[in-house]
Amino acid sequence: MKIAFYAGSFDPFTNGHLHVVQKSAKVFDKVIIGIGDNPDKKRRFDKTLMKNIIEEILKNRNINNVEVICYDEITVDAAIKNNATFLVRGVRNGMDYEYEENMASINEEVAGIDTIYIRAGKLGNISSSMVMELYENGKDVSKYLPKEVMDIIK
């Protein structure tokens, strides 16, 4: 069984994230979305709340081979603990690729786990942080977020 681990803070979960999940779910037998913390960012939404919202999004779109977990350890340890054989990373642009490629090299060296890149799609040009900054400044962000996420930020 091919199991992928898709890690992120998902704060909040965007349509770009959803695109990566939908593509991953077609490639792998099972995908685990791992909600972790980014020490460089202050969390806006509780991890358990976001886990519940992502599960609702998956259910509403009949994506049945994806599980959502919260984790506190480093990503490769969480992936191995959950029997993942690949890490999935969404890539928006060249800067993302450079960063992700460095991380992939380290993860492969430290844990022997491979990384698969999936383009974040046509709305992948915007990050969760950018979405929230736009929202906090009164801009419409509905095209960047699943309806279920829009419902909790209003």
C-alpha atoms as a PDB file:
ATOM      1  CA  MET A   1       0.000   0.000   0.000  1.00  0.00           C
ATOM      2  CA  LYS A   2       1.367   3.401  -0.994  1.00  0.00           C
ATOM      3  CA  ILE A   3       0.810   5.880   1.849  1.00  0.00           C
ATOM      4  CA  ALA A   4       1.616   9.582   1.544  1.00  0.00           C
ATOM      5  CA  PHE A   5       1.966  12.134   4.323  1.00  0.00           C
ATOM      6  CA  TYR A   6       0.966  15.719   3.459  1.00  0.00           C
ATOM      7  CA  ALA A   7       2.155  18.001   6.246  1.00  0.00           C
ATOM      8  CA  GLY A   8       1.417  21.640   6.910  1.00  0.00           C
ATOM      9  CA  SER A   9       0.029  24.108   9.380  1.00  0.00           C
ATOM     10  CA  PHE A  10      -3.100  24.495   7.204  1.00  0.00           C
ATOM     11  CA  ASP A  11      -3.869  27.728   9.037  1.00  0.00           C
ATOM     12  CA  PRO A  12      -6.287  27.917   7.299  1.00  0.00           C
ATOM     13  CA  PHE A  13      -6.755  25.109   4.774  1.00  0.00           C
ATOM     14  CA  THR A  14      -6.994  26.700   1.303  1.00  0.00           C
ATOM     15  CA  ASN A  15      -8.220  25.644  -2.126  1.00  0.00           C
ATOM     16  CA  GLY A  16      -4.550  25.235  -3.064  1.00  0.00           C
ATOM     17  CA  HIS A  17      -4.182  22.690  -0.249  1.00  0.00           C
ATOM     18  CA  LEU A  18      -7.383  20.984  -1.380  1.00  0.00           C
ATOM     19  CA  HIS A  19      -6.034  20.751  -4.932  1.00  0.00           C
ATOM     20  CA  VAL A  20      -2.897  18.994  -3.658  1.00  0.00           C
ATOM     21  CA  VAL A  21      -5.012  16.596  -1.574  1.00  0.00           C
ATOM     22  CA  GLN A  22      -7.299  15.764  -4.501  1.00  0.00           C
ATOM     23  CA  LYS A  23      -4.338  15.027  -6.786  1.00  0.00           C
ATOM     24  CA  SER A  24      -2.554  13.015  -4.066  1.00  0.00           C
ATOM     25  CA  ALA A  25      -5.668  10.956  -3.358  1.00  0.00           C
ATOM     26  CA  LYS A  26      -5.644   9.827  -6.998  1.00  0.00           C
ATOM     27  CA  VAL A  27      -1.981   8.772  -6.886  1.00  0.00           C
ATOM     28  CA  PHE A  28      -1.737   7.089  -3.479  1.00  0.00           C
ATOM     29  CA  ASP A  29      -3.758   4.367  -1.798  1.00  0.00           C
ATOM     30  CA  LYS A  30      -3.947   6.486   1.334  1.00  0.00           C
ATOM     31  CA  VAL A  31      -3.059  10.088   2.130  1.00  0.00           C
ATOM     32  CA  ILE A  32      -2.573  11.371   5.656  1.00  0.00           C
ATOM     33  CA  ILE A  33      -2.925  15.107   6.149  1.00  0.00           C
ATOM     34  CA  GLY A  34      -0.732  15.988   9.099  1.00  0.00           C
ATOM     35  CA  ILE A  35      -1.496  19.260  10.830  1.00  0.00           C
ATOM     36  CA  GLY A  36       1.598  20.505  12.581  1.00  0.00           C
ATOM     37  CA  ASP A  37       2.904  23.772  13.933  1.00  0.00           C
ATOM     38  CA  ASN A  38       5.239  26.160  12.187  1.00  0.00           C
ATOM     39  CA  PRO A  39       7.460  27.703  14.888  1.00  0.00           C
ATOM     40  CA  ASP A  40       7.870  30.800  12.696  1.00  0.00           C
ATOM     41  CA  LYS A  41       4.128  31.535  12.633  1.00  0.00           C
ATOM     42  CA  LYS A  42       1.517  32.276  15.266  1.00  0.00           C
ATOM     43  CA  ARG A  43      -1.427  29.895  14.801  1.00  0.00           C
ATOM     44  CA  ARG A  44      -4.754  31.578  13.986  1.00  0.00           C
ATOM     45  CA  PHE A  45      -6.958  28.481  14.193  1.00  0.00           C
ATOM     46  CA  ASP A  46      -6.805  25.638  16.687  1.00  0.00           C
ATOM     47  CA  LYS A  47      -5.385  22.462  15.097  1.00  0.00           C
ATOM     48  CA  THR A  48      -8.323  20.326  16.254  1.00  0.00           C
ATOM     49  CA  LEU A  49     -10.812  22.802  14.779  1.00  0.00           C
ATOM     50  CA  MET A  50      -8.953  22.781  11.460  1.00  0.00           C
ATOM     51  CA  LYS A  51      -8.771  18.952  11.570  1.00  0.00           C
ATOM     52  CA  ASN A  52     -12.552  18.793  11.952  1.00  0.00           C
ATOM     53  CA  ILE A  53     -13.108  21.288   9.123  1.00  0.00           C
ATOM     54  CA  ILE A  54     -10.755  19.414   6.771  1.00  0.00           C
ATOM     55  CA  GLU A  55     -12.550  16.148   7.569  1.00  0.00           C
ATOM     56  CA  GLU A  56     -15.843  17.853   6.699  1.00  0.00           C
ATOM     57  CA  ILE A  57     -14.354  19.138   3.414  1.00  0.00           C
ATOM     58  CA  LEU A  58     -13.167  15.635   2.512  1.00  0.00           C
ATOM     59  CA  LYS A  59     -16.538  14.091   3.374  1.00  0.00           C
ATOM     60  CA  ASN A  60     -18.441  16.712   1.365  1.00  0.00           C
ATOM     61  CA  ARG A  61     -16.271  15.957  -1.680  1.00  0.00           C
ATOM     62  CA  ASN A  62     -16.345  12.147  -1.291  1.00  0.00           C
ATOM     63  CA  ILE A  63     -12.581  11.885  -0.801  1.00  0.00           C
ATOM     64  CA  ASN A  64     -12.477   8.643   1.149  1.00  0.00           C
ATOM     65  CA  ASN A  65      -8.826   7.609   1.193  1.00  0.00           C
ATOM     66  CA  VAL A  66      -7.578  10.607   3.185  1.00  0.00           C
ATOM     67  CA  GLU A  67      -7.161  10.750   6.949  1.00  0.00           C
ATOM     68  CA  VAL A  68      -6.418  13.866   9.014  1.00  0.00           C
ATOM     69  CA  ILE A  69      -4.216  13.883  12.106  1.00  0.00           C
ATOM     70  CA  CYS A  70      -2.563  16.462  14.340  1.00  0.00           C
ATOM     71  CA  TYR A  71       1.062  15.948  15.310  1.00  0.00           C
ATOM     72  CA  ASP A  72       3.749  17.630  17.411  1.00  0.00           C
ATOM     73  CA  GLU A  73       6.961  15.822  16.431  1.00  0.00           C
ATOM     74  CA  ILE A  74       9.064  16.555  13.358  1.00  0.00           C
ATOM     75  CA  THR A  75       7.330  15.723  10.115  1.00  0.00           C
ATOM     76  CA  VAL A  76       9.439  12.725   9.087  1.00  0.00           C
ATOM     77  CA  ASP A  77       8.886  11.097  12.483  1.00  0.00           C
ATOM     78  CA  ALA A  78       5.126  11.603  12.201  1.00  0.00           C
ATOM     79  CA  ALA A  79       5.178  10.228   8.653  1.00  0.00           C
ATOM     80  CA  ILE A  80       7.128   7.115   9.644  1.00  0.00           C
ATOM     81  CA  LYS A  81       4.943   6.586  12.716  1.00  0.00           C
ATOM     82  CA  ASN A  82       1.946   6.554  10.350  1.00  0.00           C
ATOM     83  CA  ASN A  83       3.613   4.109   7.899  1.00  0.00           C
ATOM     84  CA  ALA A  84       3.962   6.695   5.127  1.00  0.00           C
ATOM     85  CA  THR A  85       6.423   5.892   2.383  1.00  0.00           C
ATOM     86  CA  PHE A  86       6.281   9.326   0.741  1.00  0.00           C
ATOM     87  CA  LEU A  87       5.955  12.946   1.771  1.00  0.00           C
ATOM     88  CA  VAL A  88       3.738  15.099  -0.430  1.00  0.00           C
ATOM     89  CA  ARG A  89       4.527  18.767  -0.788  1.00  0.00           C
ATOM     90  CA  GLY A  90       2.547  21.391  -2.642  1.00  0.00           C
ATOM     91  CA  VAL A  91       4.676  23.728  -4.725  1.00  0.00           C
ATOM     92  CA  ARG A  92       3.469  27.174  -5.752  1.00  0.00           C
ATOM     93  CA  ASN A  93       6.558  28.623  -7.396  1.00  0.00           C
ATOM     94  CA  GLY A  94      10.322  28.387  -7.804  1.00  0.00           C
ATOM     95  CA  MET A  95      10.985  29.728  -4.321  1.00  0.00           C
ATOM     96  CA  ASP A  96       8.818  26.963  -2.850  1.00  0.00           C
ATOM     97  CA  TYR A  97      10.668  24.409  -4.936  1.00  0.00           C
ATOM     98  CA  GLU A  98      14.092  25.566  -3.713  1.00  0.00           C
ATOM     99  CA  TYR A  99      12.979  25.417  -0.078  1.00  0.00           C
ATOM    100  CA  GLU A 100      11.187  22.079  -0.486  1.00  0.00           C
ATOM    101  CA  GLU A 101      14.096  20.512  -2.357  1.00  0.00           C
ATOM    102  CA  ASN A 102      16.436  21.337   0.541  1.00  0.00           C
ATOM    103  CA  MET A 103      13.969  19.811   3.000  1.00  0.00           C
ATOM    104  CA  ALA A 104      13.475  16.752   0.777  1.00  0.00           C
ATOM    105  CA  SER A 105      17.230  16.119   0.698  1.00  0.00           C
ATOM    106  CA  ILE A 106      17.450  16.303   4.474  1.00  0.00           C
ATOM    107  CA  ASN A 107      14.371  14.104   4.975  1.00  0.00           C
ATOM    108  CA  GLU A 108      15.731  11.495   2.583  1.00  0.00           C
ATOM    109  CA  GLU A 109      19.107  11.504   4.321  1.00  0.00           C
ATOM    110  CA  VAL A 110      17.705  11.427   7.867  1.00  0.00           C
ATOM    111  CA  ALA A 111      14.741   9.110   7.399  1.00  0.00           C
ATOM    112  CA  GLY A 112      15.038   7.540   3.948  1.00  0.00           C
ATOM    113  CA  ILE A 113      11.654   8.930   2.925  1.00  0.00           C
ATOM    114  CA  ASP A 114      11.040  10.330  -0.567  1.00  0.00           C
ATOM    115  CA  THR A 115       9.199  13.541  -1.380  1.00  0.00           C
ATOM    116  CA  ILE A 116       6.701  13.965  -4.205  1.00  0.00           C
ATOM    117  CA  TYR A 117       5.874  17.495  -5.407  1.00  0.00           C
ATOM    118  CA  ILE A 118       2.423  18.450  -6.619  1.00  0.00           C
ATOM    119  CA  ARG A 119       1.666  21.830  -8.129  1.00  0.00           C
ATOM    120  CA  ALA A 120      -0.750  23.788  -5.970  1.00  0.00           C
ATOM    121  CA  GLY A 121      -2.958  24.558  -8.975  1.00  0.00           C
ATOM    122  CA  LYS A 122      -4.262  27.792 -10.425  1.00  0.00           C
ATOM    123  CA  LEU A 123      -4.957  29.286  -6.989  1.00  0.00           C
ATOM    124  CA  GLY A 124      -1.666  28.093  -5.590  1.00  0.00           C
ATOM    125  CA  ASN A 125      -0.087  31.509  -5.969  1.00  0.00           C
ATOM    126  CA  ILE A 126      -1.400  32.603  -2.585  1.00  0.00           C
ATOM    127  CA  SER A 127      -0.477  31.333   0.873  1.00  0.00           C
ATOM    128  CA  SER A 128      -2.677  30.861   3.937  1.00  0.00           C
ATOM    129  CA  SER A 129      -0.969  33.884   5.493  1.00  0.00           C
ATOM    130  CA  MET A 130      -1.735  36.028   2.451  1.00  0.00           C
ATOM    131  CA  VAL A 131      -5.356  34.883   2.454  1.00  0.00           C
ATOM    132  CA  MET A 132      -5.762  35.863   6.101  1.00  0.00           C
ATOM    133  CA  GLU A 133      -4.055  39.223   5.557  1.00  0.00           C
ATOM    134  CA  LEU A 134      -6.458  39.964   2.709  1.00  0.00           C
ATOM    135  CA  TYR A 135      -9.411  38.830   4.830  1.00  0.00           C
ATOM    136  CA  GLU A 136      -8.329  40.946   7.814  1.00  0.00           C
ATOM    137  CA  ASN A 137      -8.209  43.947   5.472  1.00  0.00           C
ATOM    138  CA  GLY A 138     -11.765  43.462   4.257  1.00  0.00           C
ATOM    139  CA  LYS A 139     -11.065  41.713   0.946  1.00  0.00           C
ATOM    140  CA  ASP A 140     -13.154  38.869  -0.463  1.00  0.00           C
ATOM    141  CA  VAL A 141     -11.183  35.631  -0.097  1.00  0.00           C
ATOM    142  CA  SER A 142     -13.962  33.195  -0.992  1.00  0.00           C
ATOM    143  CA  LYS A 143     -12.200  32.025  -4.170  1.00  0.00           C
ATOM    144  CA  TYR A 144      -9.155  30.978  -2.115  1.00  0.00           C
ATOM    145  CA  LEU A 145     -10.921  29.015   0.616  1.00  0.00           C
ATOM    146  CA  PRO A 146     -13.336  26.078   0.674  1.00  0.00           C
ATOM    147  CA  LYS A 147     -16.838  27.090   1.785  1.00  0.00           C
ATOM    148  CA  GLU A 148     -16.421  25.133   5.022  1.00  0.00           C
ATOM    149  CA  VAL A 149     -13.394  27.272   5.960  1.00  0.00           C
ATOM    150  CA  MET A 150     -15.174  30.479   4.937  1.00  0.00           C
ATOM    151  CA  ASP A 151     -17.962  29.530   7.342  1.00  0.00           C
ATOM    152  CA  ILE A 152     -15.594  29.448  10.341  1.00  0.00           C
ATOM    153  CA  ILE A 153     -13.679  32.662   9.597  1.00  0.00           C
ATOM    154  CA  LYS A 154     -16.794  34.810   9.235  1.00  0.00           C
END
